[in-house]
Amino acid sequence: MINSTVSTVLITGGTGFIGSQLTKLLQTEGFRVTHLSRSVSGKEKVKTYAWDIENGYIENGAVEQADYIIHLAGANIAQKRWTKERKKIIIDSRVKSAELIYNKASKSTGKLNAFISASGVGYYGTITSEKIFNEDDSAGSDFTAYTCKLWEEAALRFSNLGIRTVRVRTAIVFGTNGGALQKLANPINNFLGAPLGSGNQYFPWIHINDLCRIYLKAIQDQTMQGVYNAAAPYHVTNKDLTKTIAKVLHKPLILPNVPAIAIKIVMGELGDAILKGSRISSEKIRKAGFHFNFPDIKIALEDCLK
């Protein structure tokens, strides 16, 4: 294990839903945390360095002073329809940003011990099957898979510098302040909730507490290298998830399933991704010694929706 009292962790996307929670955890564990941001006011509570991905700029000191870098930055993949322009933003915000950090690190005489990058379970493709996907499975053929593949390839370049590299294929993250769960819970709270399409598609998920602890482990455990799925061991379908949210909120489900065709019309290609999903294995990260605090969907929802 590493003595965290003298270690600096640079986080991209550090003020986002996951990044803000991870920042708090790392600070509690004694790490010095810094952020990279497109806009720096000087009033940030965390030391923040400026960067401009489009113009290839990172403020001096950001990478050079980092012992570890956690790369979370990336445009929200489910926020808007996947137009050609939106797809470019989704990819560039992940890949170009990683390449920019790599270029800076390759010229640095700093002390970077590990580069830890987010990725997504979308790597395996947005399909519904009875297969349980593990880290050895190949990438799918759709847009989410293509995005994750490029994202991970950009991260892998750091291994060429002799830097330990970890890629965290992340499921949908549930937490209390933001994220996907609020978007799922709000309609149910207003008596408008219903399963999407058939509701039989699996919905890989993870509690934000567990995800942040996986990143902490990736820093502290020098044997961690390569790819790890970050998905809770309890597998749930969209239908069962919707029912469990309603039960936790003490709300009835009175509407029929939302027709798949309606979702596709409104969301386009993104709609296809919403209507599909498979199970993701958590065996590798558990065999590495990680214990989930929230393995069960009902316990996780009760914590997030309390």
Protein backbone atom coordinates (compact mmCIF):
# COMPACT_ATOMS: atom_id res chain seq x y z
CA MET A 1 0.00 0.00 0.00
CA ILE A 2 1.01 3.61 -0.69
CA ASN A 3 1.43 6.24 2.01
CA SER A 4 -1.36 8.57 0.91
CA THR A 5 -0.31 11.49 3.12
CA VAL A 6 2.19 12.73 0.54
CA SER A 7 0.37 11.68 -2.62
CA THR A 8 -1.37 14.05 -5.02
CA VAL A 9 -4.30 12.87 -7.13
CA LEU A 10 -5.25 14.93 -10.18
CA ILE A 11 -8.87 14.41 -11.25
CA THR A 12 -10.40 15.43 -14.56
CA GLY A 13 -14.14 15.96 -14.25
CA GLY A 14 -13.54 16.53 -10.56
CA THR A 15 -16.58 18.76 -10.00
CA GLY A 16 -19.03 16.34 -11.63
CA PHE A 17 -21.39 13.85 -10.02
CA ILE A 18 -18.72 11.20 -9.51
CA GLY A 19 -15.71 13.50 -9.27
CA SER A 20 -17.08 15.57 -6.39
CA GLN A 21 -17.82 12.45 -4.33
CA LEU A 22 -14.45 10.94 -5.17
CA THR A 23 -12.71 14.17 -4.19
CA LYS A 24 -14.31 14.04 -0.73
CA LEU A 25 -13.35 10.40 -0.23
CA LEU A 26 -9.73 10.93 -1.26
CA GLN A 27 -9.39 13.99 0.96
CA THR A 28 -10.80 11.99 3.87
CA GLU A 29 -8.18 9.32 3.16
CA GLY A 30 -5.42 11.93 3.39
CA PHE A 31 -4.67 12.56 -0.28
CA ARG A 32 -4.02 15.98 -1.77
CA VAL A 33 -6.54 16.39 -4.59
CA THR A 34 -6.26 18.73 -7.55
CA HIS A 35 -8.61 19.28 -10.48
CA LEU A 36 -8.36 20.16 -14.15
CA SER A 37 -11.08 22.53 -15.34
CA ARG A 38 -11.96 24.52 -18.45
CA SER A 39 -12.78 27.53 -16.28
CA VAL A 40 -10.86 28.59 -13.18
CA SER A 41 -12.24 31.37 -10.99
CA GLY A 42 -9.66 31.21 -8.23
CA LYS A 43 -12.42 30.61 -5.69
CA GLU A 44 -12.38 26.83 -5.90
CA LYS A 45 -12.05 24.87 -2.65
CA VAL A 46 -9.73 22.44 -4.44
CA LYS A 47 -6.53 23.52 -6.20
CA THR A 48 -7.64 23.77 -9.83
CA TYR A 49 -5.52 23.96 -12.96
CA ALA A 50 -6.79 25.25 -16.29
CA TRP A 51 -6.92 23.21 -19.46
CA ASP A 52 -8.26 23.71 -22.96
CA ILE A 53 -8.74 20.44 -24.81
CA GLU A 54 -9.44 21.97 -28.22
CA ASN A 55 -6.32 24.12 -28.11
CA GLY A 56 -4.11 21.47 -26.51
CA TYR A 57 -3.34 23.40 -23.33
CA ILE A 58 -2.76 22.22 -19.76
CA GLU A 59 -1.53 24.63 -17.10
CA ASN A 60 2.00 23.85 -15.95
CA GLY A 61 2.20 21.95 -12.70
CA ALA A 62 -1.02 19.99 -13.07
CA VAL A 63 0.48 16.79 -14.47
CA GLU A 64 4.00 17.35 -13.16
CA GLN A 65 2.85 17.47 -9.52
CA ALA A 66 0.52 14.47 -9.75
CA ASP A 67 1.32 11.07 -8.30
CA TYR A 68 -1.92 9.69 -9.74
CA ILE A 69 -4.33 10.87 -12.40
CA ILE A 70 -7.98 9.82 -12.48
CA HIS A 71 -9.58 10.63 -15.82
CA LEU A 72 -13.35 11.05 -15.43
CA ALA A 73 -13.96 13.87 -17.91
CA GLY A 74 -16.43 13.26 -20.70
CA ALA A 75 -19.66 14.72 -22.09
CA ASN A 76 -22.84 13.10 -20.76
CA ILE A 77 -23.61 10.24 -23.12
CA ALA A 78 -27.35 10.17 -22.34
CA GLN A 79 -28.11 13.89 -22.19
CA LYS A 80 -29.03 14.56 -25.82
CA ARG A 81 -29.90 12.76 -29.05
CA TRP A 82 -26.88 11.27 -30.78
CA THR A 83 -26.53 13.59 -33.73
CA LYS A 84 -23.30 13.49 -35.72
CA GLU A 85 -22.11 16.58 -33.86
CA ARG A 86 -23.07 15.16 -30.46
CA LYS A 87 -21.22 11.92 -31.16
CA LYS A 88 -18.08 13.89 -31.95
CA ILE A 89 -18.37 15.80 -28.67
CA ILE A 90 -18.89 12.57 -26.70
CA ILE A 91 -15.79 10.96 -28.21
CA ASP A 92 -13.49 14.00 -28.27
CA SER A 93 -14.26 14.95 -24.66
CA ARG A 94 -12.93 11.56 -23.60
CA VAL A 95 -10.25 10.71 -26.14
CA LYS A 96 -8.70 14.09 -26.96
CA SER A 97 -8.55 14.94 -23.26
CA ALA A 98 -6.67 11.70 -22.51
CA GLU A 99 -4.31 12.32 -25.43
CA LEU A 100 -3.63 15.83 -24.16
CA ILE A 101 -2.70 14.52 -20.71
CA TYR A 102 -0.55 11.82 -22.31
CA ASN A 103 1.37 14.37 -24.38
CA LYS A 104 2.02 16.41 -21.25
CA ALA A 105 3.05 13.35 -19.22
CA SER A 106 5.40 12.10 -21.96
CA LYS A 107 7.38 15.35 -21.71
CA SER A 108 7.31 15.49 -17.92
CA THR A 109 10.06 14.39 -15.58
CA GLY A 110 7.41 14.08 -12.87
CA LYS A 111 6.45 11.23 -10.61
CA LEU A 112 3.25 9.83 -12.10
CA ASN A 113 2.63 6.38 -10.61
CA ALA A 114 -0.67 5.48 -12.25
CA PHE A 115 -3.19 6.67 -14.80
CA ILE A 116 -6.69 5.48 -13.92
CA SER A 117 -9.35 6.06 -16.55
CA ALA A 118 -13.09 5.71 -16.51
CA SER A 119 -14.71 3.68 -19.24
CA GLY A 120 -18.17 2.17 -19.57
CA VAL A 121 -19.80 -1.23 -19.59
CA GLY A 122 -21.11 -0.06 -22.95
CA TYR A 123 -17.77 -1.39 -24.18
CA TYR A 124 -19.45 -4.78 -24.61
CA GLY A 125 -22.16 -3.30 -26.81
CA THR A 126 -25.74 -2.37 -26.09
CA ILE A 127 -27.43 -5.72 -26.47
CA THR A 128 -29.79 -7.87 -24.46
CA SER A 129 -28.62 -11.45 -24.03
CA GLU A 130 -28.28 -14.12 -21.38
CA LYS A 131 -24.50 -13.78 -21.48
CA ILE A 132 -22.74 -12.30 -18.45
CA PHE A 133 -19.95 -10.13 -19.84
CA ASN A 134 -16.49 -10.16 -18.27
CA GLU A 135 -13.32 -8.18 -18.91
CA ASP A 136 -11.98 -10.70 -21.45
CA ASP A 137 -14.92 -10.24 -23.81
CA SER A 138 -14.36 -8.23 -26.97
CA ALA A 139 -15.85 -4.83 -27.74
CA GLY A 140 -19.29 -4.57 -29.29
CA SER A 141 -20.05 -2.95 -32.62
CA ASP A 142 -22.33 -0.01 -31.76
CA PHE A 143 -21.58 3.62 -30.88
CA THR A 144 -21.18 3.15 -27.13
CA ALA A 145 -18.78 0.27 -27.71
CA TYR A 146 -16.81 2.29 -30.27
CA THR A 147 -16.58 5.23 -27.87
CA CYS A 148 -15.38 3.08 -24.96
CA LYS A 149 -12.86 1.30 -27.19
CA LEU A 150 -11.29 4.59 -28.30
CA TRP A 151 -11.40 5.87 -24.71
CA GLU A 152 -9.52 2.83 -23.42
CA GLU A 153 -7.00 2.88 -26.26
CA ALA A 154 -6.16 6.48 -25.35
CA ALA A 155 -5.67 5.44 -21.72
CA LEU A 156 -3.53 2.44 -22.66
CA ARG A 157 -0.91 4.72 -24.20
CA PHE A 158 0.24 5.59 -20.68
CA SER A 159 1.53 2.05 -20.27
CA ASN A 160 4.06 2.87 -23.01
CA LEU A 161 5.57 5.35 -20.55
CA GLY A 162 5.95 2.63 -17.92
CA ILE A 163 3.00 4.02 -15.98
CA ARG A 164 0.59 1.61 -14.32
CA THR A 165 -2.71 1.93 -16.16
CA VAL A 166 -6.17 0.94 -14.93
CA ARG A 167 -9.44 1.18 -16.88
CA VAL A 168 -12.70 1.10 -14.93
CA ARG A 169 -15.66 -0.06 -17.04
CA THR A 170 -18.47 1.59 -15.15
CA ALA A 171 -22.16 0.72 -14.98
CA ILE A 172 -24.92 3.30 -14.42
CA VAL A 173 -24.02 5.12 -11.20
CA PHE A 174 -26.63 5.61 -8.47
CA GLY A 175 -26.22 8.33 -5.86
CA THR A 176 -28.19 10.93 -3.93
CA ASN A 177 -27.42 14.21 -5.69
CA GLY A 178 -27.72 13.81 -9.43
CA GLY A 179 -27.01 11.03 -11.85
CA ALA A 180 -29.38 8.62 -13.55
CA LEU A 181 -31.37 7.58 -10.49
CA GLN A 182 -33.06 10.94 -10.07
CA LYS A 183 -34.20 10.81 -13.70
CA LEU A 184 -35.68 7.37 -13.08
CA ALA A 185 -37.24 8.26 -9.72
CA ASN A 186 -38.84 11.60 -10.61
CA PRO A 187 -41.53 10.19 -12.95
CA ILE A 188 -42.33 7.48 -10.39
CA ASN A 189 -42.65 10.12 -7.67
CA ASN A 190 -45.17 11.89 -9.89
CA PHE A 191 -47.13 8.70 -10.67
CA LEU A 192 -45.77 8.64 -14.24
CA GLY A 193 -43.27 5.82 -13.89
CA ALA A 194 -43.30 2.68 -16.01
CA PRO A 195 -40.84 0.11 -17.37
CA LEU A 196 -39.22 1.03 -20.68
CA GLY A 197 -40.10 -1.14 -23.65
CA SER A 198 -40.40 -4.78 -22.61
CA GLY A 199 -38.62 -4.00 -19.36
CA ASN A 200 -36.74 -7.27 -19.73
CA GLN A 201 -33.43 -5.62 -20.62
CA TYR A 202 -30.83 -5.80 -17.86
CA PHE A 203 -29.75 -2.59 -16.15
CA PRO A 204 -26.12 -2.73 -14.93
CA TRP A 205 -25.66 -0.39 -11.97
CA ILE A 206 -23.34 0.55 -9.12
CA HIS A 207 -23.68 2.69 -5.99
CA ILE A 208 -21.45 5.78 -6.10
CA ASN A 209 -19.94 4.82 -2.74
CA ASP A 210 -18.69 1.55 -4.18
CA LEU A 211 -17.45 3.17 -7.39
CA CYS A 212 -15.41 5.76 -5.50
CA ARG A 213 -13.95 3.01 -3.34
CA ILE A 214 -12.91 1.11 -6.47
CA TYR A 215 -10.97 4.19 -7.60
CA LEU A 216 -9.40 4.43 -4.15
CA LYS A 217 -8.36 0.79 -4.39
CA ALA A 218 -6.94 1.38 -7.86
CA ILE A 219 -4.68 4.04 -6.34
CA GLN A 220 -3.62 2.11 -3.27
CA ASP A 221 -3.31 -1.40 -4.72
CA GLN A 222 -0.25 -1.44 -6.95
CA THR A 223 -1.19 -4.90 -8.25
CA MET A 224 -4.26 -3.47 -9.96
CA GLN A 225 -3.57 -3.07 -13.66
CA GLY A 226 -5.64 -3.48 -16.80
CA VAL A 227 -9.44 -3.55 -17.00
CA TYR A 228 -11.99 -3.96 -14.21
CA ASN A 229 -15.78 -3.90 -14.40
CA ALA A 230 -17.40 -1.59 -11.87
CA ALA A 231 -20.90 -3.06 -11.63
CA ALA A 232 -22.79 -4.37 -8.63
CA PRO A 233 -23.03 -8.17 -8.38
CA TYR A 234 -26.84 -8.05 -8.10
CA HIS A 235 -28.31 -8.16 -11.61
CA VAL A 236 -31.62 -6.42 -12.22
CA THR A 237 -33.90 -5.85 -15.22
CA ASN A 238 -35.41 -2.48 -16.07
CA LYS A 239 -38.81 -3.83 -15.03
CA ASP A 240 -37.59 -5.02 -11.62
CA LEU A 241 -35.61 -1.82 -11.08
CA THR A 242 -38.69 0.29 -11.78
CA LYS A 243 -40.78 -1.80 -9.37
CA THR A 244 -38.13 -1.58 -6.66
CA ILE A 245 -37.81 2.21 -6.99
CA ALA A 246 -41.60 2.49 -6.68
CA LYS A 247 -41.58 0.25 -3.61
CA VAL A 248 -38.83 2.26 -1.91
CA LEU A 249 -40.67 5.52 -2.69
CA HIS A 250 -44.02 4.02 -1.63
CA LYS A 251 -45.56 4.96 -4.98
CA PRO A 252 -47.84 2.85 -7.18
CA LEU A 253 -47.04 1.99 -10.79
CA ILE A 254 -50.27 2.64 -12.64
CA LEU A 255 -49.15 3.15 -16.23
CA PRO A 256 -48.39 0.47 -18.83
CA ASN A 257 -44.86 0.00 -20.15
CA VAL A 258 -43.57 2.87 -22.28
CA PRO A 259 -43.71 1.57 -25.88
CA ALA A 260 -40.31 0.97 -27.44
CA ILE A 261 -41.32 2.79 -30.61
CA ALA A 262 -42.10 5.96 -28.63
CA ILE A 263 -38.67 5.89 -26.99
CA LYS A 264 -36.97 5.41 -30.35
CA ILE A 265 -38.91 8.29 -31.92
CA VAL A 266 -38.01 10.66 -29.09
CA MET A 267 -34.43 9.53 -28.44
CA GLY A 268 -33.29 8.18 -31.81
CA GLU A 269 -30.22 5.93 -31.65
CA LEU A 270 -29.87 6.65 -27.94
CA GLY A 271 -33.30 5.06 -27.52
CA ASP A 272 -31.94 1.74 -28.76
CA ALA A 273 -29.29 1.86 -26.04
CA ILE A 274 -31.93 2.53 -23.38
CA LEU A 275 -34.01 -0.44 -24.54
CA LYS A 276 -31.16 -2.94 -24.34
CA GLY A 277 -28.80 -4.19 -21.67
CA SER A 278 -26.99 -7.29 -20.46
CA ARG A 279 -25.50 -8.53 -17.22
CA ILE A 280 -21.96 -7.54 -16.25
CA SER A 281 -19.63 -9.68 -14.15
CA SER A 282 -18.09 -8.22 -10.98
CA GLU A 283 -15.99 -11.32 -10.29
CA LYS A 284 -12.60 -9.84 -11.21
CA ILE A 285 -12.78 -6.82 -8.90
CA ARG A 286 -14.11 -9.01 -6.07
CA LYS A 287 -11.28 -11.50 -6.55
CA ALA A 288 -8.90 -8.52 -6.28
CA GLY A 289 -10.16 -8.11 -2.73
CA PHE A 290 -12.87 -5.50 -3.20
CA HIS A 291 -15.99 -5.76 -1.05
CA PHE A 292 -19.20 -4.07 -2.20
CA ASN A 293 -20.94 -2.04 0.49
CA PHE A 294 -24.07 -1.96 -1.66
CA PRO A 295 -24.35 -5.24 -3.58
CA ASP A 296 -28.16 -5.38 -3.37
CA ILE A 297 -30.40 -3.09 -5.41
CA LYS A 298 -33.01 -2.51 -2.68
CA ILE A 299 -30.39 -1.58 -0.07
CA ALA A 300 -28.70 0.74 -2.57
CA LEU A 301 -31.96 2.45 -3.52
CA GLU A 302 -32.99 2.88 0.12
CA ASP A 303 -29.68 4.63 0.76
CA CYS A 304 -29.88 6.86 -2.33
CA LEU A 305 -33.56 7.78 -2.06
CA LYS A 306 -33.81 8.27 1.71
